[in-house]
Amino acid sequence: MKSKKENIMLNRDDILKALEIYDEDNIIEKREPKKYFFLYKGKEYFPKVLVELAYKIKYNKNWKNSDGTKAKNILERNGFDLYYYGLFKQCLKEKYNNEKTIRTYLADLKKAIKALQTLSEFENEKIINLIIRLANKKISKEILLKGLKNIKRNDKKLYQNISIKAFEYLECLKKQKQQGLKMNNKSTALNQILYGPPGTGKTYSVIERALEIIYEKEDRNKEIEFEIFENEEKKVKASYEEILNFENKNKKREYLKGLYEYHKENAQIEFITFHQSYSYEEFVEGIKPCDLENCDSEKSEIKYHIEDGIFKEICKRAEVNYIIESPTFNIKAYVFEKNNKFILKKRF
């Protein structure tokens, strides 16, 4: 009998509730995170601990097989973004042979982000956008000092080299995105319609088509660890190219499904069923009532907020990825508008 795969269904409100408990219980992690920091409204959280707490609150049980990468993907899927601490540290180690310099770069950029998040003009700004602004010197010393005061830090020298540290972070992201990418001459059509009666394999064909699109860019020979189901759940390692060459059709099908789920968990694939009641508000954006527990209003009032739909969330992810992955990416190519959104001086 196949074991049932754990279904991690957490939405933004679940994460916000967990943040409240996290703060109330004053959860402190003394260890240093290996990969990510979740920075929100001037405070820092461990993604794995936060998502475990959200799962516990919602389902009244512990999250089995909890994993830092899965936690990161859940947070990003719900519109949050993270400070890539581990990746930045790795890049700095390759460039600097001085532990003090590395620690300073990591701490100062994190401090600057937290400070800016406390200011109303940057309350809903993405971390990547804040870093781009810092690298471009589009944030004045006075504004940064104002934010530092909010987090009770009096570091007047922080502004001096913060643009260099922010630029290093962006260059690190760019390098990481470009590593291992392989472009094929063959191009798969992005808009496809699969039609036919029930039971003719349309859903499985979606899996094949989605992976084809992903591996036009990603390294087809890179081994990836993911989960499959045979008699029970187990972890395997295989590359996309290796799976395509499997002679056993059932094994090939099972591995492709596992690889598809892996990319789905990494927020590269979204599967949507357009049922009869599916609306524009769910797909793009809509005005929805806010959970009273998470609203700054009296319980007698009804408060509404604009909530992004799945398509808009995908567009936001794609925008950042496009900017960072572009081979001609140059931080100096950006200028900023007054509405806190950046535009390009030139087209890629």
C-alpha atoms as a PDB file:
ATOM      1  CA  MET A   1       0.000   0.000   0.000  1.00  0.00           C
ATOM      2  CA  LYS A   2       1.369   3.414  -0.952  1.00  0.00           C
ATOM      3  CA  SER A   3       1.943   5.868   1.855  1.00  0.00           C
ATOM      4  CA  LYS A   4       0.098   9.153   1.560  1.00  0.00           C
ATOM      5  CA  LYS A   5       2.294  12.113   0.707  1.00  0.00           C
ATOM      6  CA  GLU A   6       2.181  14.888   3.274  1.00  0.00           C
ATOM      7  CA  ASN A   7       0.142  17.785   1.917  1.00  0.00           C
ATOM      8  CA  ILE A   8       1.562  21.126   3.061  1.00  0.00           C
ATOM      9  CA  MET A   9      -1.282  23.553   2.387  1.00  0.00           C
ATOM     10  CA  LEU A  10      -0.458  26.825   4.111  1.00  0.00           C
ATOM     11  CA  ASN A  11      -1.650  30.250   2.971  1.00  0.00           C
ATOM     12  CA  ARG A  12      -0.500  33.767   3.793  1.00  0.00           C
ATOM     13  CA  ASP A  13      -2.868  34.127   6.740  1.00  0.00           C
ATOM     14  CA  ASP A  14      -1.460  30.917   8.262  1.00  0.00           C
ATOM     15  CA  ILE A  15       2.053  32.392   8.073  1.00  0.00           C
ATOM     16  CA  LEU A  16       0.903  35.711   9.586  1.00  0.00           C
ATOM     17  CA  LYS A  17      -0.746  33.889  12.517  1.00  0.00           C
ATOM     18  CA  ALA A  18       2.482  31.962  13.095  1.00  0.00           C
ATOM     19  CA  LEU A  19       4.439  35.239  13.086  1.00  0.00           C
ATOM     20  CA  GLU A  20       2.244  36.559  15.900  1.00  0.00           C
ATOM     21  CA  ILE A  21       2.866  33.447  18.027  1.00  0.00           C
ATOM     22  CA  TYR A  22       6.570  33.504  17.129  1.00  0.00           C
ATOM     23  CA  ASP A  23       6.796  37.060  18.501  1.00  0.00           C
ATOM     24  CA  GLU A  24       4.554  36.426  21.532  1.00  0.00           C
ATOM     25  CA  ASP A  25       6.549  33.359  22.577  1.00  0.00           C
ATOM     26  CA  ASN A  26       9.810  35.207  21.859  1.00  0.00           C
ATOM     27  CA  ILE A  27      11.249  32.221  20.013  1.00  0.00           C
ATOM     28  CA  ILE A  28      15.015  32.641  19.787  1.00  0.00           C
ATOM     29  CA  GLU A  29      17.372  30.529  17.683  1.00  0.00           C
ATOM     30  CA  LYS A  30      20.948  30.789  18.890  1.00  0.00           C
ATOM     31  CA  ARG A  31      22.376  28.895  15.918  1.00  0.00           C
ATOM     32  CA  GLU A  32      23.168  30.509  12.594  1.00  0.00           C
ATOM     33  CA  PRO A  33      20.966  29.557   9.620  1.00  0.00           C
ATOM     34  CA  LYS A  34      22.632  27.612   6.833  1.00  0.00           C
ATOM     35  CA  LYS A  35      20.741  29.106   3.904  1.00  0.00           C
ATOM     36  CA  TYR A  36      18.018  31.694   4.522  1.00  0.00           C
ATOM     37  CA  PHE A  37      16.725  34.398   6.831  1.00  0.00           C
ATOM     38  CA  PHE A  38      13.091  35.472   6.694  1.00  0.00           C
ATOM     39  CA  LEU A  39      13.080  39.241   7.295  1.00  0.00           C
ATOM     40  CA  TYR A  40       9.675  40.815   7.961  1.00  0.00           C
ATOM     41  CA  LYS A  41       8.837  44.266   9.323  1.00  0.00           C
ATOM     42  CA  GLY A  42      12.308  44.729  10.774  1.00  0.00           C
ATOM     43  CA  LYS A  43      12.512  41.352  12.495  1.00  0.00           C
ATOM     44  CA  GLU A  44      14.272  38.134  11.546  1.00  0.00           C
ATOM     45  CA  TYR A  45      12.905  34.595  11.633  1.00  0.00           C
ATOM     46  CA  PHE A  46      14.087  31.106  10.785  1.00  0.00           C
ATOM     47  CA  PRO A  47      11.951  29.919   7.809  1.00  0.00           C
ATOM     48  CA  LYS A  48      11.878  26.272   8.892  1.00  0.00           C
ATOM     49  CA  VAL A  49      10.853  27.093  12.489  1.00  0.00           C
ATOM     50  CA  LEU A  50       8.206  29.559  11.281  1.00  0.00           C
ATOM     51  CA  VAL A  51       6.594  27.151   8.796  1.00  0.00           C
ATOM     52  CA  GLU A  52       6.693  24.307  11.341  1.00  0.00           C
ATOM     53  CA  LEU A  53       4.825  26.596  13.749  1.00  0.00           C
ATOM     54  CA  ALA A  54       2.258  27.570  11.089  1.00  0.00           C
ATOM     55  CA  TYR A  55       1.655  23.895  10.299  1.00  0.00           C
ATOM     56  CA  LYS A  56       1.273  23.065  14.005  1.00  0.00           C
ATOM     57  CA  ILE A  57      -1.276  25.868  14.498  1.00  0.00           C
ATOM     58  CA  LYS A  58      -3.342  24.915  11.443  1.00  0.00           C
ATOM     59  CA  TYR A  59      -3.324  21.105  11.715  1.00  0.00           C
ATOM     60  CA  ASN A  60      -2.597  20.618  15.430  1.00  0.00           C
ATOM     61  CA  LYS A  61       0.232  18.215  14.641  1.00  0.00           C
ATOM     62  CA  ASN A  62       3.921  18.378  13.847  1.00  0.00           C
ATOM     63  CA  TRP A  63       5.148  18.737  10.287  1.00  0.00           C
ATOM     64  CA  LYS A  64       6.854  15.457   9.418  1.00  0.00           C
ATOM     65  CA  ASN A  65       9.866  15.570   7.096  1.00  0.00           C
ATOM     66  CA  SER A  66      10.256  19.316   7.710  1.00  0.00           C
ATOM     67  CA  ASP A  67      12.877  20.816   5.467  1.00  0.00           C
ATOM     68  CA  GLY A  68      14.441  24.281   5.158  1.00  0.00           C
ATOM     69  CA  THR A  69      14.147  24.400   1.366  1.00  0.00           C
ATOM     70  CA  LYS A  70      10.490  23.347   1.464  1.00  0.00           C
ATOM     71  CA  ALA A  71       9.829  26.025   4.100  1.00  0.00           C
ATOM     72  CA  LYS A  72      11.520  28.632   1.899  1.00  0.00           C
ATOM     73  CA  ASN A  73       9.371  27.593  -1.083  1.00  0.00           C
ATOM     74  CA  ILE A  74       6.158  27.782   0.981  1.00  0.00           C
ATOM     75  CA  LEU A  75       7.020  31.311   2.118  1.00  0.00           C
ATOM     76  CA  GLU A  76       7.910  32.486  -1.403  1.00  0.00           C
ATOM     77  CA  ARG A  77       4.772  30.892  -2.839  1.00  0.00           C
ATOM     78  CA  ASN A  78       2.743  33.017  -0.424  1.00  0.00           C
ATOM     79  CA  GLY A  79       4.346  36.261  -1.559  1.00  0.00           C
ATOM     80  CA  PHE A  80       7.140  36.533   1.036  1.00  0.00           C
ATOM     81  CA  ASP A  81      10.797  36.738   0.063  1.00  0.00           C
ATOM     82  CA  LEU A  82      13.982  35.872   1.920  1.00  0.00           C
ATOM     83  CA  TYR A  83      17.541  37.004   2.517  1.00  0.00           C
ATOM     84  CA  TYR A  84      19.789  34.375   0.885  1.00  0.00           C
ATOM     85  CA  TYR A  85      22.282  34.310   3.730  1.00  0.00           C
ATOM     86  CA  GLY A  86      24.006  31.009   2.909  1.00  0.00           C
ATOM     87  CA  LEU A  87      24.449  31.759  -0.780  1.00  0.00           C
ATOM     88  CA  PHE A  88      25.832  35.236  -0.049  1.00  0.00           C
ATOM     89  CA  LYS A  89      28.231  33.776   2.510  1.00  0.00           C
ATOM     90  CA  GLN A  90      29.493  31.240  -0.016  1.00  0.00           C
ATOM     91  CA  CYS A  91      30.113  33.933  -2.649  1.00  0.00           C
ATOM     92  CA  LEU A  92      31.957  36.123  -0.141  1.00  0.00           C
ATOM     93  CA  LYS A  93      34.210  33.216   0.879  1.00  0.00           C
ATOM     94  CA  GLU A  94      35.214  32.762  -2.756  1.00  0.00           C
ATOM     95  CA  LYS A  95      36.207  36.430  -2.993  1.00  0.00           C
ATOM     96  CA  TYR A  96      37.543  37.351   0.462  1.00  0.00           C
ATOM     97  CA  ASN A  97      39.970  35.439   2.632  1.00  0.00           C
ATOM     98  CA  ASN A  98      39.006  37.332   5.760  1.00  0.00           C
ATOM     99  CA  GLU A  99      36.371  35.994   8.142  1.00  0.00           C
ATOM    100  CA  LYS A 100      35.761  39.401   9.716  1.00  0.00           C
ATOM    101  CA  THR A 101      35.023  40.981   6.318  1.00  0.00           C
ATOM    102  CA  ILE A 102      32.594  38.192   5.456  1.00  0.00           C
ATOM    103  CA  ARG A 103      30.749  38.517   8.783  1.00  0.00           C
ATOM    104  CA  THR A 104      30.543  42.310   8.359  1.00  0.00           C
ATOM    105  CA  TYR A 105      29.075  42.076   4.849  1.00  0.00           C
ATOM    106  CA  LEU A 106      26.460  39.516   5.945  1.00  0.00           C
ATOM    107  CA  ALA A 107      25.430  41.399   9.089  1.00  0.00           C
ATOM    108  CA  ASP A 108      25.432  44.920   7.611  1.00  0.00           C
ATOM    109  CA  LEU A 109      23.206  44.123   4.627  1.00  0.00           C
ATOM    110  CA  LYS A 110      20.768  42.242   6.847  1.00  0.00           C
ATOM    111  CA  LYS A 111      20.734  45.166   9.299  1.00  0.00           C
ATOM    112  CA  ALA A 112      20.046  47.676   6.507  1.00  0.00           C
ATOM    113  CA  ILE A 113      17.125  45.607   5.153  1.00  0.00           C
ATOM    114  CA  LYS A 114      15.580  45.266   8.621  1.00  0.00           C
ATOM    115  CA  ALA A 115      15.947  48.999   9.224  1.00  0.00           C
ATOM    116  CA  LEU A 116      14.240  49.957   5.952  1.00  0.00           C
ATOM    117  CA  GLN A 117      11.388  47.477   6.539  1.00  0.00           C
ATOM    118  CA  THR A 118      10.322  49.477   9.601  1.00  0.00           C
ATOM    119  CA  LEU A 119       9.643  52.589   7.498  1.00  0.00           C
ATOM    120  CA  SER A 120       6.145  53.103   6.085  1.00  0.00           C
ATOM    121  CA  GLU A 121       7.412  53.934   2.566  1.00  0.00           C
ATOM    122  CA  PHE A 122       9.079  50.515   2.318  1.00  0.00           C
ATOM    123  CA  GLU A 123       6.541  48.480   4.305  1.00  0.00           C
ATOM    124  CA  ASN A 124       5.473  46.332   1.335  1.00  0.00           C
ATOM    125  CA  GLU A 125       8.716  46.500  -0.656  1.00  0.00           C
ATOM    126  CA  LYS A 126      10.373  43.255  -1.721  1.00  0.00           C
ATOM    127  CA  ILE A 127      13.805  42.549  -0.223  1.00  0.00           C
ATOM    128  CA  ILE A 128      15.353  42.330  -3.696  1.00  0.00           C
ATOM    129  CA  ASN A 129      14.024  45.806  -4.527  1.00  0.00           C
ATOM    130  CA  LEU A 130      15.438  47.260  -1.306  1.00  0.00           C
ATOM    131  CA  ILE A 131      18.832  45.767  -2.146  1.00  0.00           C
ATOM    132  CA  ILE A 132      18.694  47.171  -5.691  1.00  0.00           C
ATOM    133  CA  ARG A 133      17.921  50.613  -4.230  1.00  0.00           C
ATOM    134  CA  LEU A 134      20.832  50.357  -1.780  1.00  0.00           C
ATOM    135  CA  ALA A 135      23.214  49.288  -4.548  1.00  0.00           C
ATOM    136  CA  ASN A 136      22.096  52.237  -6.674  1.00  0.00           C
ATOM    137  CA  LYS A 137      22.425  54.687  -3.748  1.00  0.00           C
ATOM    138  CA  LYS A 138      18.744  55.561  -4.125  1.00  0.00           C
ATOM    139  CA  ILE A 139      18.237  55.561  -0.344  1.00  0.00           C
ATOM    140  CA  SER A 140      19.688  58.510   1.531  1.00  0.00           C
ATOM    141  CA  LYS A 141      21.777  58.314   4.665  1.00  0.00           C
ATOM    142  CA  GLU A 142      19.063  60.158   6.619  1.00  0.00           C
ATOM    143  CA  ILE A 143      16.397  57.563   5.677  1.00  0.00           C
ATOM    144  CA  LEU A 144      18.669  54.651   6.599  1.00  0.00           C
ATOM    145  CA  LEU A 145      19.551  56.234   9.960  1.00  0.00           C
ATOM    146  CA  LYS A 146      15.844  56.768  10.631  1.00  0.00           C
ATOM    147  CA  GLY A 147      15.227  53.054  10.099  1.00  0.00           C
ATOM    148  CA  LEU A 148      18.219  52.086  12.231  1.00  0.00           C
ATOM    149  CA  LYS A 149      16.766  54.146  15.065  1.00  0.00           C
ATOM    150  CA  ASN A 150      13.552  52.071  14.836  1.00  0.00           C
ATOM    151  CA  ILE A 151      15.497  48.834  15.392  1.00  0.00           C
ATOM    152  CA  LYS A 152      17.538  50.505  18.144  1.00  0.00           C
ATOM    153  CA  ARG A 153      20.816  50.535  16.249  1.00  0.00           C
ATOM    154  CA  ASN A 154      23.018  53.618  16.182  1.00  0.00           C
ATOM    155  CA  ASP A 155      25.408  52.653  13.391  1.00  0.00           C
ATOM    156  CA  LYS A 156      26.279  55.924  11.656  1.00  0.00           C
ATOM    157  CA  LYS A 157      29.008  54.258   9.570  1.00  0.00           C
ATOM    158  CA  LEU A 158      26.667  51.669   8.044  1.00  0.00           C
ATOM    159  CA  TYR A 159      25.740  53.891   5.076  1.00  0.00           C
ATOM    160  CA  GLN A 160      29.368  54.382   4.044  1.00  0.00           C
ATOM    161  CA  ASN A 161      29.850  51.092   2.124  1.00  0.00           C
ATOM    162  CA  ILE A 162      26.346  49.616   2.092  1.00  0.00           C
ATOM    163  CA  SER A 163      25.972  50.140  -1.684  1.00  0.00           C
ATOM    164  CA  ILE A 164      29.061  47.963  -2.299  1.00  0.00           C
ATOM    165  CA  LYS A 165      27.680  45.210  -0.061  1.00  0.00           C
ATOM    166  CA  ALA A 166      24.285  45.344  -1.773  1.00  0.00           C
ATOM    167  CA  PHE A 167      25.961  45.187  -5.202  1.00  0.00           C
ATOM    168  CA  GLU A 168      27.972  42.121  -4.100  1.00  0.00           C
ATOM    169  CA  TYR A 169      24.724  40.401  -3.066  1.00  0.00           C
ATOM    170  CA  LEU A 170      23.111  41.065  -6.463  1.00  0.00           C
ATOM    171  CA  GLU A 171      26.189  39.872  -8.322  1.00  0.00           C
ATOM    172  CA  CYS A 172      26.084  36.706  -6.215  1.00  0.00           C
ATOM    173  CA  LEU A 173      22.450  36.062  -7.185  1.00  0.00           C
ATOM    174  CA  LYS A 174      23.267  36.661 -10.826  1.00  0.00           C
ATOM    175  CA  LYS A 175      26.185  34.218 -10.716  1.00  0.00           C
ATOM    176  CA  GLN A 176      24.127  31.539  -8.981  1.00  0.00           C
ATOM    177  CA  LYS A 177      21.287  31.844 -11.492  1.00  0.00           C
ATOM    178  CA  GLN A 178      23.629  31.543 -14.446  1.00  0.00           C
ATOM    179  CA  GLN A 179      25.540  28.513 -13.174  1.00  0.00           C
ATOM    180  CA  GLY A 180      24.552  25.266 -14.787  1.00  0.00           C
ATOM    181  CA  LEU A 181      22.071  26.821 -17.221  1.00  0.00           C
ATOM    182  CA  LYS A 182      22.022  25.148 -20.614  1.00  0.00           C
ATOM    183  CA  MET A 183      20.211  26.636 -23.557  1.00  0.00           C
ATOM    184  CA  ASN A 184      18.851  24.311 -26.235  1.00  0.00           C
ATOM    185  CA  ASN A 185      18.273  25.317 -29.819  1.00  0.00           C
ATOM    186  CA  LYS A 186      14.918  23.566 -29.670  1.00  0.00           C
ATOM    187  CA  SER A 187      12.128  25.750 -28.330  1.00  0.00           C
ATOM    188  CA  THR A 188       8.929  24.328 -26.842  1.00  0.00           C
ATOM    189  CA  ALA A 189       5.745  26.300 -27.434  1.00  0.00           C
ATOM    190  CA  LEU A 190       4.706  27.894 -24.137  1.00  0.00           C
ATOM    191  CA  ASN A 191       0.993  28.052 -24.981  1.00  0.00           C
ATOM    192  CA  GLN A 192      -0.402  24.594 -25.675  1.00  0.00           C
ATOM    193  CA  ILE A 193      -3.891  23.085 -25.585  1.00  0.00           C
ATOM    194  CA  LEU A 194      -4.245  19.378 -24.811  1.00  0.00           C
ATOM    195  CA  TYR A 195      -7.680  17.992 -25.609  1.00  0.00           C
ATOM    196  CA  GLY A 196      -9.394  14.615 -25.561  1.00  0.00           C
ATOM    197  CA  PRO A 197     -11.905  12.501 -23.583  1.00  0.00           C
ATOM    198  CA  PRO A 198     -11.244  11.523 -19.943  1.00  0.00           C
ATOM    199  CA  GLY A 199      -8.584   8.882 -19.376  1.00  0.00           C
ATOM    200  CA  THR A 200      -6.502   9.617 -22.475  1.00  0.00           C
ATOM    201  CA  GLY A 201      -3.431  10.894 -20.571  1.00  0.00           C
ATOM    202  CA  LYS A 202      -3.845  14.671 -20.698  1.00  0.00           C
ATOM    203  CA  THR A 203      -2.708  15.194 -17.086  1.00  0.00           C
ATOM    204  CA  TYR A 204       0.409  13.055 -17.574  1.00  0.00           C
ATOM    205  CA  SER A 205       1.152  14.931 -20.803  1.00  0.00           C
ATOM    206  CA  VAL A 206       1.054  18.178 -18.799  1.00  0.00           C
ATOM    207  CA  ILE A 207       3.827  16.757 -16.596  1.00  0.00           C
ATOM    208  CA  GLU A 208       5.967  15.964 -19.651  1.00  0.00           C
ATOM    209  CA  ARG A 209       5.352  19.370 -21.285  1.00  0.00           C
ATOM    210  CA  ALA A 210       6.096  21.327 -18.082  1.00  0.00           C
ATOM    211  CA  LEU A 211       9.414  19.523 -17.589  1.00  0.00           C
ATOM    212  CA  GLU A 212      10.344  20.057 -21.253  1.00  0.00           C
ATOM    213  CA  ILE A 213       9.908  23.818 -20.797  1.00  0.00           C
ATOM    214  CA  ILE A 214      11.950  23.891 -17.566  1.00  0.00           C
ATOM    215  CA  TYR A 215      14.821  21.851 -19.002  1.00  0.00           C
ATOM    216  CA  GLU A 216      15.227  24.057 -22.027  1.00  0.00           C
ATOM    217  CA  LYS A 217      17.119  26.315 -19.599  1.00  0.00           C
ATOM    218  CA  GLU A 218      18.232  24.115 -16.719  1.00  0.00           C
ATOM    219  CA  ASP A 219      21.039  21.554 -16.850  1.00  0.00           C
ATOM    220  CA  ARG A 220      19.487  18.304 -18.097  1.00  0.00           C
ATOM    221  CA  ASN A 221      22.395  16.252 -16.704  1.00  0.00           C
ATOM    222  CA  LYS A 222      22.330  17.666 -13.180  1.00  0.00           C
ATOM    223  CA  GLU A 223      21.362  15.053 -10.578  1.00  0.00           C
ATOM    224  CA  ILE A 224      18.447  16.098  -8.349  1.00  0.00           C
ATOM    225  CA  GLU A 225      17.169  14.428  -5.188  1.00  0.00           C
ATOM    226  CA  PHE A 226      13.386  14.047  -5.068  1.00  0.00           C
ATOM    227  CA  GLU A 227      10.658  11.743  -3.781  1.00  0.00           C
ATOM    228  CA  ILE A 228       8.844   8.983  -5.659  1.00  0.00           C
ATOM    229  CA  PHE A 229       6.208   6.437  -4.676  1.00  0.00           C
ATOM    230  CA  GLU A 230       6.601   2.759  -5.398  1.00  0.00           C
ATOM    231  CA  ASN A 231       5.386   0.598  -2.538  1.00  0.00           C
ATOM    232  CA  GLU A 232       6.264   3.412  -0.183  1.00  0.00           C
ATOM    233  CA  GLU A 233       7.659   6.911  -0.312  1.00  0.00           C
ATOM    234  CA  LYS A 234      11.410   7.048  -0.919  1.00  0.00           C
ATOM    235  CA  LYS A 235      14.059   9.523  -2.020  1.00  0.00           C
ATOM    236  CA  VAL A 236      15.978   8.982  -5.261  1.00  0.00           C
ATOM    237  CA  LYS A 237      18.624  10.840  -7.261  1.00  0.00           C
ATOM    238  CA  ALA A 238      18.492  11.200 -11.032  1.00  0.00           C
ATOM    239  CA  SER A 239      18.946  13.721 -13.815  1.00  0.00           C
ATOM    240  CA  TYR A 240      16.228  14.646 -16.302  1.00  0.00           C
ATOM    241  CA  GLU A 241      18.319  13.255 -19.188  1.00  0.00           C
ATOM    242  CA  GLU A 242      18.816   9.971 -17.326  1.00  0.00           C
ATOM    243  CA  ILE A 243      15.076   9.608 -16.678  1.00  0.00           C
ATOM    244  CA  LEU A 244      14.245  10.183 -20.369  1.00  0.00           C
ATOM    245  CA  ASN A 245      16.478   7.215 -21.237  1.00  0.00           C
ATOM    246  CA  PHE A 246      14.775   4.752 -18.863  1.00  0.00           C
ATOM    247  CA  GLU A 247      13.598   1.659 -20.783  1.00  0.00           C
ATOM    248  CA  ASN A 248      11.003   0.705 -18.151  1.00  0.00           C
ATOM    249  CA  LYS A 249       7.968   2.891 -18.950  1.00  0.00           C
ATOM    250  CA  ASN A 250       6.437   2.578 -15.466  1.00  0.00           C
ATOM    251  CA  LYS A 251       9.713   3.591 -13.802  1.00  0.00           C
ATOM    252  CA  LYS A 252      10.094   6.503 -16.218  1.00  0.00           C
ATOM    253  CA  ARG A 253       6.544   7.667 -15.478  1.00  0.00           C
ATOM    254  CA  GLU A 254       7.063   7.459 -11.696  1.00  0.00           C
ATOM    255  CA  TYR A 255      10.345   9.391 -11.845  1.00  0.00           C
ATOM    256  CA  LEU A 256       8.921  12.102 -14.112  1.00  0.00           C
ATOM    257  CA  LYS A 257       6.010  12.555 -11.680  1.00  0.00           C
ATOM    258  CA  GLY A 258       8.472  12.838  -8.785  1.00  0.00           C
ATOM    259  CA  LEU A 259      10.612  15.377 -10.652  1.00  0.00           C
ATOM    260  CA  TYR A 260       7.469  17.336 -11.546  1.00  0.00           C
ATOM    261  CA  GLU A 261       6.471  17.500  -7.851  1.00  0.00           C
ATOM    262  CA  TYR A 262      10.004  18.625  -6.966  1.00  0.00           C
ATOM    263  CA  HIS A 263       9.771  21.602  -9.343  1.00  0.00           C
ATOM    264  CA  LYS A 264       6.248  22.308  -8.139  1.00  0.00           C
ATOM    265  CA  GLU A 265       7.494  22.541  -4.550  1.00  0.00           C
ATOM    266  CA  ASN A 266      10.255  24.864  -5.790  1.00  0.00           C
ATOM    267  CA  ALA A 267       7.564  27.238  -7.132  1.00  0.00           C
ATOM    268  CA  GLN A 268       8.513  26.636 -10.786  1.00  0.00           C
ATOM    269  CA  ILE A 269       5.190  24.990 -11.661  1.00  0.00           C
ATOM    270  CA  GLU A 270       1.623  25.777 -10.642  1.00  0.00           C
ATOM    271  CA  PHE A 271      -1.318  23.502 -11.528  1.00  0.00           C
ATOM    272  CA  ILE A 272      -4.715  25.224 -11.715  1.00  0.00           C
ATOM    273  CA  THR A 273      -8.123  23.725 -12.392  1.00  0.00           C
ATOM    274  CA  PHE A 274     -10.456  26.231 -14.038  1.00  0.00           C
ATOM    275  CA  HIS A 275     -13.676  24.924 -12.529  1.00  0.00           C
ATOM    276  CA  GLN A 276     -17.024  26.648 -13.139  1.00  0.00           C
ATOM    277  CA  SER A 277     -16.818  28.896 -10.064  1.00  0.00           C
ATOM    278  CA  TYR A 278     -13.191  29.943 -10.645  1.00  0.00           C
ATOM    279  CA  SER A 279     -13.092  33.740 -10.835  1.00  0.00           C
ATOM    280  CA  TYR A 280     -10.878  36.605 -11.957  1.00  0.00           C
ATOM    281  CA  GLU A 281     -10.345  37.491  -8.272  1.00  0.00           C
ATOM    282  CA  GLU A 282      -8.759  34.086  -7.613  1.00  0.00           C
ATOM    283  CA  PHE A 283      -6.621  34.137 -10.756  1.00  0.00           C
ATOM    284  CA  VAL A 284      -5.372  37.764 -10.960  1.00  0.00           C
ATOM    285  CA  GLU A 285      -6.339  39.820  -7.893  1.00  0.00           C
ATOM    286  CA  GLY A 286      -9.407  40.675  -5.921  1.00  0.00           C
ATOM    287  CA  ILE A 287     -10.733  42.488  -2.882  1.00  0.00           C
ATOM    288  CA  LYS A 288     -11.284  39.999  -0.077  1.00  0.00           C
ATOM    289  CA  PRO A 289     -12.356  40.322   3.556  1.00  0.00           C
ATOM    290  CA  CYS A 290      -9.399  40.401   5.894  1.00  0.00           C
ATOM    291  CA  ASP A 291      -9.098  37.903   8.744  1.00  0.00           C
ATOM    292  CA  LEU A 292     -10.124  39.918  11.842  1.00  0.00           C
ATOM    293  CA  GLU A 293      -7.307  38.403  13.857  1.00  0.00           C
ATOM    294  CA  ASN A 294      -4.790  39.915  11.433  1.00  0.00           C
ATOM    295  CA  CYS A 295      -6.497  43.263  10.768  1.00  0.00           C
ATOM    296  CA  ASP A 296      -5.793  46.550  12.514  1.00  0.00           C
ATOM    297  CA  SER A 297      -9.479  47.225  13.082  1.00  0.00           C
ATOM    298  CA  GLU A 298     -12.199  46.807  15.661  1.00  0.00           C
ATOM    299  CA  LYS A 299     -13.884  43.410  15.648  1.00  0.00           C
ATOM    300  CA  SER A 300     -17.202  45.072  14.894  1.00  0.00           C
ATOM    301  CA  GLU A 301     -15.872  46.341  11.564  1.00  0.00           C
ATOM    302  CA  ILE A 302     -15.324  44.472   8.329  1.00  0.00           C
ATOM    303  CA  LYS A 303     -12.038  45.292   6.655  1.00  0.00           C
ATOM    304  CA  TYR A 304     -11.024  44.400   3.105  1.00  0.00           C
ATOM    305  CA  HIS A 305      -7.653  44.093   1.437  1.00  0.00           C
ATOM    306  CA  ILE A 306      -6.379  43.428  -2.078  1.00  0.00           C
ATOM    307  CA  GLU A 307      -5.081  39.880  -2.397  1.00  0.00           C
ATOM    308  CA  ASP A 308      -2.952  38.693  -5.302  1.00  0.00           C
ATOM    309  CA  GLY A 309      -4.186  35.736  -7.316  1.00  0.00           C
ATOM    310  CA  ILE A 310      -1.970  32.857  -8.412  1.00  0.00           C
ATOM    311  CA  PHE A 311      -1.237  34.331 -11.851  1.00  0.00           C
ATOM    312  CA  LYS A 312      -0.102  37.663 -10.396  1.00  0.00           C
ATOM    313  CA  GLU A 313       2.147  35.846  -7.903  1.00  0.00           C
ATOM    314  CA  ILE A 314       3.719  33.894 -10.782  1.00  0.00           C
ATOM    315  CA  CYS A 315       4.316  37.157 -12.666  1.00  0.00           C
ATOM    316  CA  LYS A 316       6.062  38.668  -9.639  1.00  0.00           C
ATOM    317  CA  ARG A 317       8.369  35.653  -9.328  1.00  0.00           C
ATOM    318  CA  ALA A 318       9.088  35.733 -13.065  1.00  0.00           C
ATOM    319  CA  GLU A 319       9.913  39.458 -12.973  1.00  0.00           C
ATOM    320  CA  VAL A 320      12.674  39.034 -10.394  1.00  0.00           C
ATOM    321  CA  ASN A 321      14.037  35.881 -12.062  1.00  0.00           C
ATOM    322  CA  TYR A 322      14.114  37.585 -15.459  1.00  0.00           C
ATOM    323  CA  ILE A 323      16.069  40.534 -14.094  1.00  0.00           C
ATOM    324  CA  ILE A 324      18.640  38.435 -12.260  1.00  0.00           C
ATOM    325  CA  GLU A 325      19.060  35.756 -14.948  1.00  0.00           C
ATOM    326  CA  SER A 326      19.564  38.148 -17.843  1.00  0.00           C
ATOM    327  CA  PRO A 327      23.121  37.787 -19.232  1.00  0.00           C
ATOM    328  CA  THR A 328      23.281  41.576 -19.624  1.00  0.00           C
ATOM    329  CA  PHE A 329      22.015  42.254 -16.103  1.00  0.00           C
ATOM    330  CA  ASN A 330      23.591  45.430 -14.764  1.00  0.00           C
ATOM    331  CA  ILE A 331      22.431  47.011 -11.551  1.00  0.00           C
ATOM    332  CA  LYS A 332      23.267  50.456 -12.948  1.00  0.00           C
ATOM    333  CA  ALA A 333      20.638  49.931 -15.654  1.00  0.00           C
ATOM    334  CA  TYR A 334      17.899  50.655 -13.137  1.00  0.00           C
ATOM    335  CA  VAL A 335      16.178  53.898 -12.266  1.00  0.00           C
ATOM    336  CA  PHE A 336      13.315  54.319  -9.840  1.00  0.00           C
ATOM    337  CA  GLU A 337       9.925  55.938  -9.885  1.00  0.00           C
ATOM    338  CA  LYS A 338       8.242  57.660  -6.967  1.00  0.00           C
ATOM    339  CA  ASN A 339       5.791  54.795  -6.485  1.00  0.00           C
ATOM    340  CA  ASN A 340       8.610  52.533  -5.210  1.00  0.00           C
ATOM    341  CA  LYS A 341       8.731  50.465  -8.402  1.00  0.00           C
ATOM    342  CA  PHE A 342      11.822  50.142 -10.560  1.00  0.00           C
ATOM    343  CA  ILE A 343      12.010  50.342 -14.344  1.00  0.00           C
ATOM    344  CA  LEU A 344      14.807  49.763 -16.863  1.00  0.00           C
ATOM    345  CA  LYS A 345      16.835  52.432 -18.613  1.00  0.00           C
ATOM    346  CA  LYS A 346      17.364  49.998 -21.473  1.00  0.00           C
ATOM    347  CA  ARG A 347      15.750  46.819 -22.704  1.00  0.00           C
ATOM    348  CA  PHE A 348      17.561  43.513 -22.291  1.00  0.00           C
END
